[in-house]
PDB file of N, CA and C in Angstrom:
ATOM      1  N   MET A   1     136.385 141.333 100.227  1.00  0.00           N
ATOM      2  CA  MET A   1     135.220 140.922  99.473  1.00  0.00           C
ATOM      3  C   MET A   1     134.842 142.031  98.492  1.00  0.00           C
ATOM      4  N   VAL A   2     134.573 141.675  97.278  1.00  0.00           N
ATOM      5  CA  VAL A   2     134.226 142.636  96.235  1.00  0.00           C
ATOM      6  C   VAL A   2     132.708 142.730  96.131  1.00  0.00           C
ATOM      7  N   LYS A   3     132.206 143.966  96.101  1.00  0.00           N
ATOM      8  CA  LYS A   3     130.763 144.170  95.934  1.00  0.00           C
ATOM      9  C   LYS A   3     130.354 143.789  94.520  1.00  0.00           C
ATOM     10  N   LYS A   4     129.143 143.290  94.397  1.00  0.00           N
ATOM     11  CA  LYS A   4     128.613 143.002  93.067  1.00  0.00           C
ATOM     12  C   LYS A   4     128.240 144.309  92.390  1.00  0.00           C
ATOM     13  N   THR A   5     128.467 144.385  91.099  1.00  0.00           N
ATOM     14  CA  THR A   5     128.080 145.562  90.323  1.00  0.00           C
ATOM     15  C   THR A   5     127.046 145.120  89.301  1.00  0.00           C
ATOM     16  N   HIS A   6     125.916 145.787  89.325  1.00  0.00           N
ATOM     17  CA  HIS A   6     124.840 145.397  88.423  1.00  0.00           C
ATOM     18  C   HIS A   6     124.681 146.346  87.249  1.00  0.00           C
ATOM     19  N   SER A   7     125.358 147.470  87.309  1.00  0.00           N
ATOM     20  CA  SER A   7     125.240 148.412  86.196  1.00  0.00           C
ATOM     21  C   SER A   7     126.544 149.176  86.032  1.00  0.00           C
ATOM     22  N   ILE A   8     126.667 149.786  84.883  1.00  0.00           N
ATOM     23  CA  ILE A   8     127.791 150.675  84.614  1.00  0.00           C
ATOM     24  C   ILE A   8     127.219 151.972  84.068  1.00  0.00           C
ATOM     25  N   LYS A   9     128.019 153.016  84.095  1.00  0.00           N
ATOM     26  CA  LYS A   9     127.509 154.300  83.607  1.00  0.00           C
ATOM     27  C   LYS A   9     128.632 155.150  83.055  1.00  0.00           C
ATOM     28  N   ASN A  10     128.234 156.098  82.237  1.00  0.00           N
ATOM     29  CA  ASN A  10     129.105 157.133  81.696  1.00  0.00           C
ATOM     30  C   ASN A  10     128.360 158.449  81.790  1.00  0.00           C
ATOM     31  N   ASN A  11     129.091 159.535  81.891  1.00  0.00           N
ATOM     32  CA  ASN A  11     128.524 160.866  81.678  1.00  0.00           C
ATOM     33  C   ASN A  11     128.878 161.271  80.261  1.00  0.00           C
ATOM     34  N   LEU A  12     128.033 162.091  79.661  1.00  0.00           N
ATOM     35  CA  LEU A  12     128.355 162.575  78.326  1.00  0.00           C
ATOM     36  C   LEU A  12     127.875 163.997  78.151  1.00  0.00           C
ATOM     37  N   LEU A  13     128.489 164.672  77.202  1.00  0.00           N
ATOM     38  CA  LEU A  13     128.051 165.996  76.764  1.00  0.00           C
ATOM     39  C   LEU A  13     127.695 165.876  75.300  1.00  0.00           C
ATOM     40  N   CYS A  14     126.595 166.527  74.928  1.00  0.00           N
ATOM     41  CA  CYS A  14     126.232 166.532  73.514  1.00  0.00           C
ATOM     42  C   CYS A  14     125.702 167.906  73.128  1.00  0.00           C
ATOM     43  N   THR A  15     125.662 168.143  71.848  1.00  0.00           N
ATOM     44  CA  THR A  15     125.160 169.406  71.315  1.00  0.00           C
ATOM     45  C   THR A  15     123.634 169.350  71.247  1.00  0.00           C
ATOM     46  N   ASN A  16     123.019 170.487  70.889  1.00  0.00           N
ATOM     47  CA  ASN A  16     121.557 170.542  70.741  1.00  0.00           C
ATOM     48  C   ASN A  16     121.033 169.528  69.736  1.00  0.00           C
ATOM     49  N   ASN A  17     121.845 169.216  68.716  1.00  0.00           N
ATOM     50  CA  ASN A  17     121.400 168.245  67.705  1.00  0.00           C
ATOM     51  C   ASN A  17     121.877 166.824  68.035  1.00  0.00           C
ATOM     52  N   LEU A  18     122.189 166.591  69.328  1.00  0.00           N
ATOM     53  CA  LEU A  18     122.501 165.274  69.884  1.00  0.00           C
ATOM     54  C   LEU A  18     123.823 164.670  69.421  1.00  0.00           C
ATOM     55  N   ARG A  19     124.734 165.485  68.953  1.00  0.00           N
ATOM     56  CA  ARG A  19     126.075 165.005  68.600  1.00  0.00           C
ATOM     57  C   ARG A  19     126.895 164.904  69.886  1.00  0.00           C
ATOM     58  N   ILE A  20     127.376 163.713  70.212  1.00  0.00           N
ATOM     59  CA  ILE A  20     128.169 163.518  71.429  1.00  0.00           C
ATOM     60  C   ILE A  20     129.540 164.148  71.221  1.00  0.00           C
ATOM     61  N   VAL A  21     129.910 165.050  72.139  1.00  0.00           N
ATOM     62  CA  VAL A  21     131.193 165.745  72.028  1.00  0.00           C
ATOM     63  C   VAL A  21     132.159 165.346  73.141  1.00  0.00           C
ATOM     64  N   TRP A  22     131.670 164.625  74.153  1.00  0.00           N
ATOM     65  CA  TRP A  22     132.539 164.140  75.219  1.00  0.00           C
ATOM     66  C   TRP A  22     131.874 162.968  75.908  1.00  0.00           C
ATOM     67  N   LEU A  23     132.637 161.927  76.200  1.00  0.00           N
ATOM     68  CA  LEU A  23     132.151 160.750  76.906  1.00  0.00           C
ATOM     69  C   LEU A  23     133.148 160.426  78.008  1.00  0.00           C
ATOM     70  N   SER A  24     132.657 160.298  79.233  1.00  0.00           N
ATOM     71  CA  SER A  24     133.538 159.993  80.365  1.00  0.00           C
ATOM     72  C   SER A  24     134.023 158.554  80.281  1.00  0.00           C
ATOM     73  N   SER A  25     134.949 158.233  81.147  1.00  0.00           N
ATOM     74  CA  SER A  25     135.314 156.837  81.345  1.00  0.00           C
ATOM     75  C   SER A  25     134.093 156.111  81.894  1.00  0.00           C
ATOM     76  N   THR A  26     134.122 154.792  81.878  1.00  0.00           N
ATOM     77  CA  THR A  26     133.011 153.996  82.397  1.00  0.00           C
ATOM     78  C   THR A  26     133.224 153.728  83.882  1.00  0.00           C
ATOM     79  N   TYR A  27     132.150 153.886  84.665  1.00  0.00           N
ATOM     80  CA  TYR A  27     132.194 153.703  86.115  1.00  0.00           C
ATOM     81  C   TYR A  27     131.147 152.685  86.532  1.00  0.00           C
ATOM     82  N   GLU A  28     131.317 152.128  87.743  1.00  0.00           N
ATOM     83  CA  GLU A  28     130.287 151.276  88.317  1.00  0.00           C
ATOM     84  C   GLU A  28     129.039 152.118  88.534  1.00  0.00           C
ATOM     85  N   GLY A  29     127.876 151.495  88.437  1.00  0.00           N
ATOM     86  CA  GLY A  29     126.609 152.213  88.478  1.00  0.00           C
ATOM     87  C   GLY A  29     126.351 153.007  89.737  1.00  0.00           C
ATOM     88  N   HIS A  30     126.971 152.633  90.859  1.00  0.00           N
ATOM     89  CA  HIS A  30     126.713 153.336  92.119  1.00  0.00           C
ATOM     90  C   HIS A  30     127.471 154.657  92.225  1.00  0.00           C
ATOM     91  N   VAL A  31     128.407 154.925  91.324  1.00  0.00           N
ATOM     92  CA  VAL A  31     129.191 156.162  91.385  1.00  0.00           C
ATOM     93  C   VAL A  31     128.300 157.338  90.996  1.00  0.00           C
ATOM     94  N   HIS A  32     128.314 158.370  91.829  1.00  0.00           N
ATOM     95  CA  HIS A  32     127.458 159.544  91.639  1.00  0.00           C
ATOM     96  C   HIS A  32     127.917 160.355  90.422  1.00  0.00           C
ATOM     97  N   ASP A  33     126.955 160.935  89.688  1.00  0.00           N
ATOM     98  CA  ASP A  33     127.264 161.726  88.491  1.00  0.00           C
ATOM     99  C   ASP A  33     128.252 162.851  88.784  1.00  0.00           C
ATOM    100  N   LYS A  34     128.046 163.566  89.886  1.00  0.00           N
ATOM    101  CA  LYS A  34     128.934 164.682  90.214  1.00  0.00           C
ATOM    102  C   LYS A  34     130.348 164.188  90.500  1.00  0.00           C
ATOM    103  N   LYS A  35     130.480 163.035  91.131  1.00  0.00           N
ATOM    104  CA  LYS A  35     131.809 162.485  91.418  1.00  0.00           C
ATOM    105  C   LYS A  35     132.569 162.229  90.115  1.00  0.00           C
ATOM    106  N   ILE A  36     131.859 161.754  89.096  1.00  0.00           N
ATOM    107  CA  ILE A  36     132.499 161.545  87.795  1.00  0.00           C
ATOM    108  C   ILE A  36     133.014 162.881  87.261  1.00  0.00           C
ATOM    109  N   CYS A  37     132.197 163.932  87.370  1.00  0.00           N
ATOM    110  CA  CYS A  37     132.622 165.263  86.910  1.00  0.00           C
ATOM    111  C   CYS A  37     133.822 165.769  87.699  1.00  0.00           C
ATOM    112  N   ASP A  38     133.831 165.500  89.001  1.00  0.00           N
ATOM    113  CA  ASP A  38     134.952 165.931  89.835  1.00  0.00           C
ATOM    114  C   ASP A  38     136.235 165.203  89.454  1.00  0.00           C
ATOM    115  N   GLU A  39     136.120 163.935  89.092  1.00  0.00           N
ATOM    116  CA  GLU A  39     137.295 163.136  88.744  1.00  0.00           C
ATOM    117  C   GLU A  39     137.768 163.378  87.315  1.00  0.00           C
ATOM    118  N   GLU A  40     136.875 163.843  86.453  1.00  0.00           N
ATOM    119  CA  GLU A  40     137.224 164.090  85.054  1.00  0.00           C
ATOM    120  C   GLU A  40     136.813 165.507  84.667  1.00  0.00           C
ATOM    121  N   PRO A  41     137.479 166.514  85.260  1.00  0.00           N
ATOM    122  CA  PRO A  41     137.070 167.896  84.984  1.00  0.00           C
ATOM    123  C   PRO A  41     137.255 168.257  83.510  1.00  0.00           C
ATOM    124  N   LEU A  42     136.337 169.074  83.026  1.00  0.00           N
ATOM    125  CA  LEU A  42     136.366 169.520  81.634  1.00  0.00           C
ATOM    126  C   LEU A  42     136.661 171.004  81.575  1.00  0.00           C
ATOM    127  N   LEU A  43     137.322 171.419  80.535  1.00  0.00           N
ATOM    128  CA  LEU A  43     137.472 172.843  80.246  1.00  0.00           C
ATOM    129  C   LEU A  43     136.403 173.180  79.220  1.00  0.00           C
ATOM    130  N   LEU A  44     135.369 173.857  79.675  1.00  0.00           N
ATOM    131  CA  LEU A  44     134.249 174.188  78.795  1.00  0.00           C
ATOM    132  C   LEU A  44     134.371 175.621  78.300  1.00  0.00           C
ATOM    133  N   PRO A  45     133.936 175.895  77.075  1.00  0.00           N
ATOM    134  CA  PRO A  45     133.992 177.265  76.556  1.00  0.00           C
ATOM    135  C   PRO A  45     133.120 178.197  77.391  1.00  0.00           C
ATOM    136  N   ARG A  46     133.610 179.395  77.641  1.00  0.00           N
ATOM    137  CA  ARG A  46     132.849 180.391  78.406  1.00  0.00           C
ATOM    138  C   ARG A  46     131.563 180.734  77.662  1.00  0.00           C
ATOM    139  N   GLY A  47     130.497 180.924  78.440  1.00  0.00           N
ATOM    140  CA  GLY A  47     129.240 181.378  77.870  1.00  0.00           C
ATOM    141  C   GLY A  47     128.308 180.292  77.377  1.00  0.00           C
ATOM    142  N   ILE A  48     128.734 179.022  77.418  1.00  0.00           N
ATOM    143  CA  ILE A  48     127.816 177.977  76.955  1.00  0.00           C
ATOM    144  C   ILE A  48     126.751 177.712  78.016  1.00  0.00           C
ATOM    145  N   ARG A  49     125.666 177.091  77.606  1.00  0.00           N
ATOM    146  CA  ARG A  49     124.583 176.709  78.513  1.00  0.00           C
ATOM    147  C   ARG A  49     124.685 175.204  78.741  1.00  0.00           C
ATOM    148  N   LEU A  50     124.752 174.802  79.992  1.00  0.00           N
ATOM    149  CA  LEU A  50     124.890 173.397  80.362  1.00  0.00           C
ATOM    150  C   LEU A  50     123.592 172.932  81.022  1.00  0.00           C
ATOM    151  N   TRP A  51     122.906 171.989  80.373  1.00  0.00           N
ATOM    152  CA  TRP A  51     121.639 171.456  80.891  1.00  0.00           C
ATOM    153  C   TRP A  51     121.974 170.221  81.703  1.00  0.00           C
ATOM    154  N   GLN A  52     121.717 170.260  83.000  1.00  0.00           N
ATOM    155  CA  GLN A  52     122.037 169.116  83.844  1.00  0.00           C
ATOM    156  C   GLN A  52     120.869 168.764  84.749  1.00  0.00           C
ATOM    157  N   ASP A  53     120.874 167.516  85.244  1.00  0.00           N
ATOM    158  CA  ASP A  53     119.831 167.126  86.188  1.00  0.00           C
ATOM    159  C   ASP A  53     120.338 167.322  87.611  1.00  0.00           C
ATOM    160  N   THR A  54     119.493 167.009  88.584  1.00  0.00           N
ATOM    161  CA  THR A  54     119.840 167.294  89.975  1.00  0.00           C
ATOM    162  C   THR A  54     120.948 166.388  90.512  1.00  0.00           C
ATOM    163  N   GLY A  55     121.371 165.394  89.754  1.00  0.00           N
ATOM    164  CA  GLY A  55     122.518 164.575  90.138  1.00  0.00           C
ATOM    165  C   GLY A  55     123.832 165.333  90.055  1.00  0.00           C
ATOM    166  N   PHE A  56     123.793 166.532  89.493  1.00  0.00           N
ATOM    167  CA  PHE A  56     125.007 167.331  89.325  1.00  0.00           C
ATOM    168  C   PHE A  56     125.032 168.556  90.235  1.00  0.00           C
ATOM    169  N   ILE A  57     124.184 168.581  91.265  1.00  0.00           N
ATOM    170  CA  ILE A  57     124.163 169.737  92.170  1.00  0.00           C
ATOM    171  C   ILE A  57     125.568 169.972  92.707  1.00  0.00           C
ATOM    172  N   GLY A  58     126.017 171.204  92.607  1.00  0.00           N
ATOM    173  CA  GLY A  58     127.360 171.568  93.048  1.00  0.00           C
ATOM    174  C   GLY A  58     128.369 171.617  91.914  1.00  0.00           C
ATOM    175  N   HIS A  59     128.011 171.084  90.760  1.00  0.00           N
ATOM    176  CA  HIS A  59     128.915 171.129  89.602  1.00  0.00           C
ATOM    177  C   HIS A  59     128.642 172.419  88.839  1.00  0.00           C
ATOM    178  N   ARG A  60     129.524 173.392  89.003  1.00  0.00           N
ATOM    179  CA  ARG A  60     129.340 174.708  88.383  1.00  0.00           C
ATOM    180  C   ARG A  60     130.658 175.172  87.755  1.00  0.00           C
ATOM    181  N   PRO A  61     130.944 174.724  86.542  1.00  0.00           N
ATOM    182  CA  PRO A  61     132.174 175.178  85.881  1.00  0.00           C
ATOM    183  C   PRO A  61     132.159 176.696  85.682  1.00  0.00           C
ATOM    184  N   ASP A  62     133.323 177.317  85.782  1.00  0.00           N
ATOM    185  CA  ASP A  62     133.443 178.771  85.600  1.00  0.00           C
ATOM    186  C   ASP A  62     132.985 179.191  84.214  1.00  0.00           C
ATOM    187  N   GLY A  63     132.245 180.300  84.162  1.00  0.00           N
ATOM    188  CA  GLY A  63     131.858 180.903  82.894  1.00  0.00           C
ATOM    189  C   GLY A  63     130.773 180.171  82.137  1.00  0.00           C
ATOM    190  N   VAL A  64     130.100 179.222  82.790  1.00  0.00           N
ATOM    191  CA  VAL A  64     129.080 178.408  82.133  1.00  0.00           C
ATOM    192  C   VAL A  64     127.723 178.693  82.777  1.00  0.00           C
ATOM    193  N   GLU A  65     126.687 178.834  81.954  1.00  0.00           N
ATOM    194  CA  GLU A  65     125.327 179.012  82.474  1.00  0.00           C
ATOM    195  C   GLU A  65     124.730 177.633  82.746  1.00  0.00           C
ATOM    196  N   ILE A  66     124.284 177.408  83.977  1.00  0.00           N
ATOM    197  CA  ILE A  66     123.708 176.122  84.368  1.00  0.00           C
ATOM    198  C   ILE A  66     122.185 176.198  84.305  1.00  0.00           C
ATOM    199  N   CYS A  67     121.572 175.234  83.624  1.00  0.00           N
ATOM    200  CA  CYS A  67     120.116 175.101  83.595  1.00  0.00           C
ATOM    201  C   CYS A  67     119.790 173.756  84.233  1.00  0.00           C
ATOM    202  N   MET A  68     119.133 173.813  85.396  1.00  0.00           N
ATOM    203  CA  MET A  68     118.852 172.607  86.154  1.00  0.00           C
ATOM    204  C   MET A  68     117.482 172.740  86.819  1.00  0.00           C
ATOM    205  N   PRO A  69     116.700 171.655  86.856  1.00  0.00           N
ATOM    206  CA  PRO A  69     115.416 171.731  87.546  1.00  0.00           C
ATOM    207  C   PRO A  69     115.612 172.021  89.031  1.00  0.00           C
ATOM    208  N   ARG A  70     114.625 172.672  89.620  1.00  0.00           N
ATOM    209  CA  ARG A  70     114.670 172.941  91.062  1.00  0.00           C
ATOM    210  C   ARG A  70     114.171 171.716  91.812  1.00  0.00           C
ATOM    211  N   LYS A  71     114.823 171.433  92.945  1.00  0.00           N
ATOM    212  CA  LYS A  71     114.348 170.371  93.818  1.00  0.00           C
ATOM    213  C   LYS A  71     113.294 170.937  94.754  1.00  0.00           C
ATOM    214  N   LYS A  72     112.355 170.103  95.125  1.00  0.00           N
ATOM    215  CA  LYS A  72     111.323 170.510  96.080  1.00  0.00           C
ATOM    216  C   LYS A  72     111.985 170.728  97.443  1.00  0.00           C
ATOM    217  N   PRO A  73     111.764 171.901  98.058  1.00  0.00           N
ATOM    218  CA  PRO A  73     112.338 172.143  99.387  1.00  0.00           C
ATOM    219  C   PRO A  73     111.730 171.183 100.417  1.00  0.00           C
ATOM    220  N   LYS A  74     112.542 170.782 101.390  1.00  0.00           N
ATOM    221  CA  LYS A  74     112.077 169.866 102.421  1.00  0.00           C
ATOM    222  C   LYS A  74     110.838 170.424 103.122  1.00  0.00           C
ATOM    223  N   GLY A  75     109.768 169.653 103.130  1.00  0.00           N
ATOM    224  CA  GLY A  75     108.547 170.048 103.811  1.00  0.00           C
ATOM    225  C   GLY A  75     107.724 171.109 103.097  1.00  0.00           C
ATOM    226  N   LYS A  76     108.120 171.474 101.885  1.00  0.00           N
ATOM    227  CA  LYS A  76     107.398 172.502 101.126  1.00  0.00           C
ATOM    228  C   LYS A  76     107.104 171.984  99.730  1.00  0.00           C
ATOM    229  N   GLU A  77     106.397 172.784  98.970  1.00  0.00           N
ATOM    230  CA  GLU A  77     106.084 172.457  97.576  1.00  0.00           C
ATOM    231  C   GLU A  77     106.727 173.491  96.659  1.00  0.00           C
ATOM    232  N   LEU A  78     106.947 173.107  95.418  1.00  0.00           N
ATOM    233  CA  LEU A  78     107.389 174.071  94.415  1.00  0.00           C
ATOM    234  C   LEU A  78     106.202 174.935  94.012  1.00  0.00           C
ATOM    235  N   THR A  79     106.483 176.165  93.609  1.00  0.00           N
ATOM    236  CA  THR A  79     105.416 177.033  93.114  1.00  0.00           C
ATOM    237  C   THR A  79     105.000 176.560  91.720  1.00  0.00           C
ATOM    238  N   ALA A  80     103.865 177.040  91.249  1.00  0.00           N
ATOM    239  CA  ALA A  80     103.394 176.686  89.904  1.00  0.00           C
ATOM    240  C   ALA A  80     104.407 177.129  88.853  1.00  0.00           C
ATOM    241  N   VAL A  81     105.017 178.292  89.055  1.00  0.00           N
ATOM    242  CA  VAL A  81     106.023 178.806  88.112  1.00  0.00           C
ATOM    243  C   VAL A  81     107.256 177.897  88.113  1.00  0.00           C
ATOM    244  N   GLU A  82     107.710 177.464  89.295  1.00  0.00           N
ATOM    245  CA  GLU A  82     108.874 176.572  89.380  1.00  0.00           C
ATOM    246  C   GLU A  82     108.581 175.226  88.721  1.00  0.00           C
ATOM    247  N   LYS A  83     107.369 174.705  88.928  1.00  0.00           N
ATOM    248  CA  LYS A  83     106.984 173.440  88.289  1.00  0.00           C
ATOM    249  C   LYS A  83     106.963 173.573  86.770  1.00  0.00           C
ATOM    250  N   GLN A  84     106.455 174.698  86.293  1.00  0.00           N
ATOM    251  CA  GLN A  84     106.401 174.940  84.844  1.00  0.00           C
ATOM    252  C   GLN A  84     107.815 175.038  84.267  1.00  0.00           C
ATOM    253  N   GLU A  85     108.712 175.718  84.973  1.00  0.00           N
ATOM    254  CA  GLU A  85     110.104 175.834  84.520  1.00  0.00           C
ATOM    255  C   GLU A  85     110.780 174.458  84.523  1.00  0.00           C
ATOM    256  N   ASN A  86     110.541 173.651  85.544  1.00  0.00           N
ATOM    257  CA  ASN A  86     111.098 172.296  85.584  1.00  0.00           C
ATOM    258  C   ASN A  86     110.625 171.471  84.394  1.00  0.00           C
ATOM    259  N   LYS A  87     109.369 171.620  84.030  1.00  0.00           N
ATOM    260  CA  LYS A  87     108.809 170.897  82.883  1.00  0.00           C
ATOM    261  C   LYS A  87     109.501 171.331  81.588  1.00  0.00           C
ATOM    262  N   ARG A  88     109.742 172.636  81.457  1.00  0.00           N
ATOM    263  CA  ARG A  88     110.422 173.167  80.271  1.00  0.00           C
ATOM    264  C   ARG A  88     111.842 172.603  80.179  1.00  0.00           C
ATOM    265  N   ILE A  89     112.564 172.631  81.293  1.00  0.00           N
ATOM    266  CA  ILE A  89     113.938 172.118  81.324  1.00  0.00           C
ATOM    267  C   ILE A  89     113.943 170.624  81.003  1.00  0.00           C
ATOM    268  N   SER A  90     113.037 169.872  81.601  1.00  0.00           N
ATOM    269  CA  SER A  90     112.971 168.428  81.350  1.00  0.00           C
ATOM    270  C   SER A  90     112.660 168.124  79.894  1.00  0.00           C
ATOM    271  N   GLY A  91     111.827 168.943  79.275  1.00  0.00           N
ATOM    272  CA  GLY A  91     111.494 168.756  77.863  1.00  0.00           C
ATOM    273  C   GLY A  91     112.703 168.900  76.957  1.00  0.00           C
ATOM    274  N   ILE A  92     113.643 169.739  77.349  1.00  0.00           N
ATOM    275  CA  ILE A  92     114.874 169.923  76.573  1.00  0.00           C
ATOM    276  C   ILE A  92     115.850 168.787  76.869  1.00  0.00           C
ATOM    277  N   ARG A  93     115.998 168.438  78.142  1.00  0.00           N
ATOM    278  CA  ARG A  93     116.957 167.412  78.554  1.00  0.00           C
ATOM    279  C   ARG A  93     116.545 166.007  78.123  1.00  0.00           C
ATOM    280  N   ILE A  94     115.254 165.743  78.006  1.00  0.00           N
ATOM    281  CA  ILE A  94     114.767 164.389  77.739  1.00  0.00           C
ATOM    282  C   ILE A  94     115.331 163.815  76.434  1.00  0.00           C
ATOM    283  N   LYS A  95     115.680 164.663  75.503  1.00  0.00           N
ATOM    284  CA  LYS A  95     116.244 164.195  74.227  1.00  0.00           C
ATOM    285  C   LYS A  95     117.493 163.360  74.460  1.00  0.00           C
ATOM    286  N   VAL A  96     118.262 163.719  75.472  1.00  0.00           N
ATOM    287  CA  VAL A  96     119.526 163.041  75.748  1.00  0.00           C
ATOM    288  C   VAL A  96     119.327 161.828  76.646  1.00  0.00           C
ATOM    289  N   GLU A  97     118.414 161.932  77.578  1.00  0.00           N
ATOM    290  CA  GLU A  97     118.203 160.848  78.542  1.00  0.00           C
ATOM    291  C   GLU A  97     117.865 159.572  77.810  1.00  0.00           C
TER     292      GLU A  97
END
C-alpha cells in the first residue's frame, strides 16, 4: 500500500540578494530537511556563512560557519540574550522562507 503524499519539498541555497545557487531534487513532504542534505551532499566553499533553521541540526559541512537559532532546552527557557539572537537570525532567514 502506498502512503498518500500531500506535499512536496526542495532544499535550496541562495545568496544574500536571494539568487538561488542550488536546488535539491524534489522529495515527498514528510522527508526531513537534514535527510535531504545527507542524500545530496554539497561541496561548499570554506569560510562561508550558512543560515539554517533547526530542521538541519547535525548538518555541519567542514569549513562553514553555521548560524542557527537555539532550541529551547527541555524544561527550561531561553535567556533574553538567546531570544534576541534567535530574532536576529530569523530576521535574516525570513527573506528566503
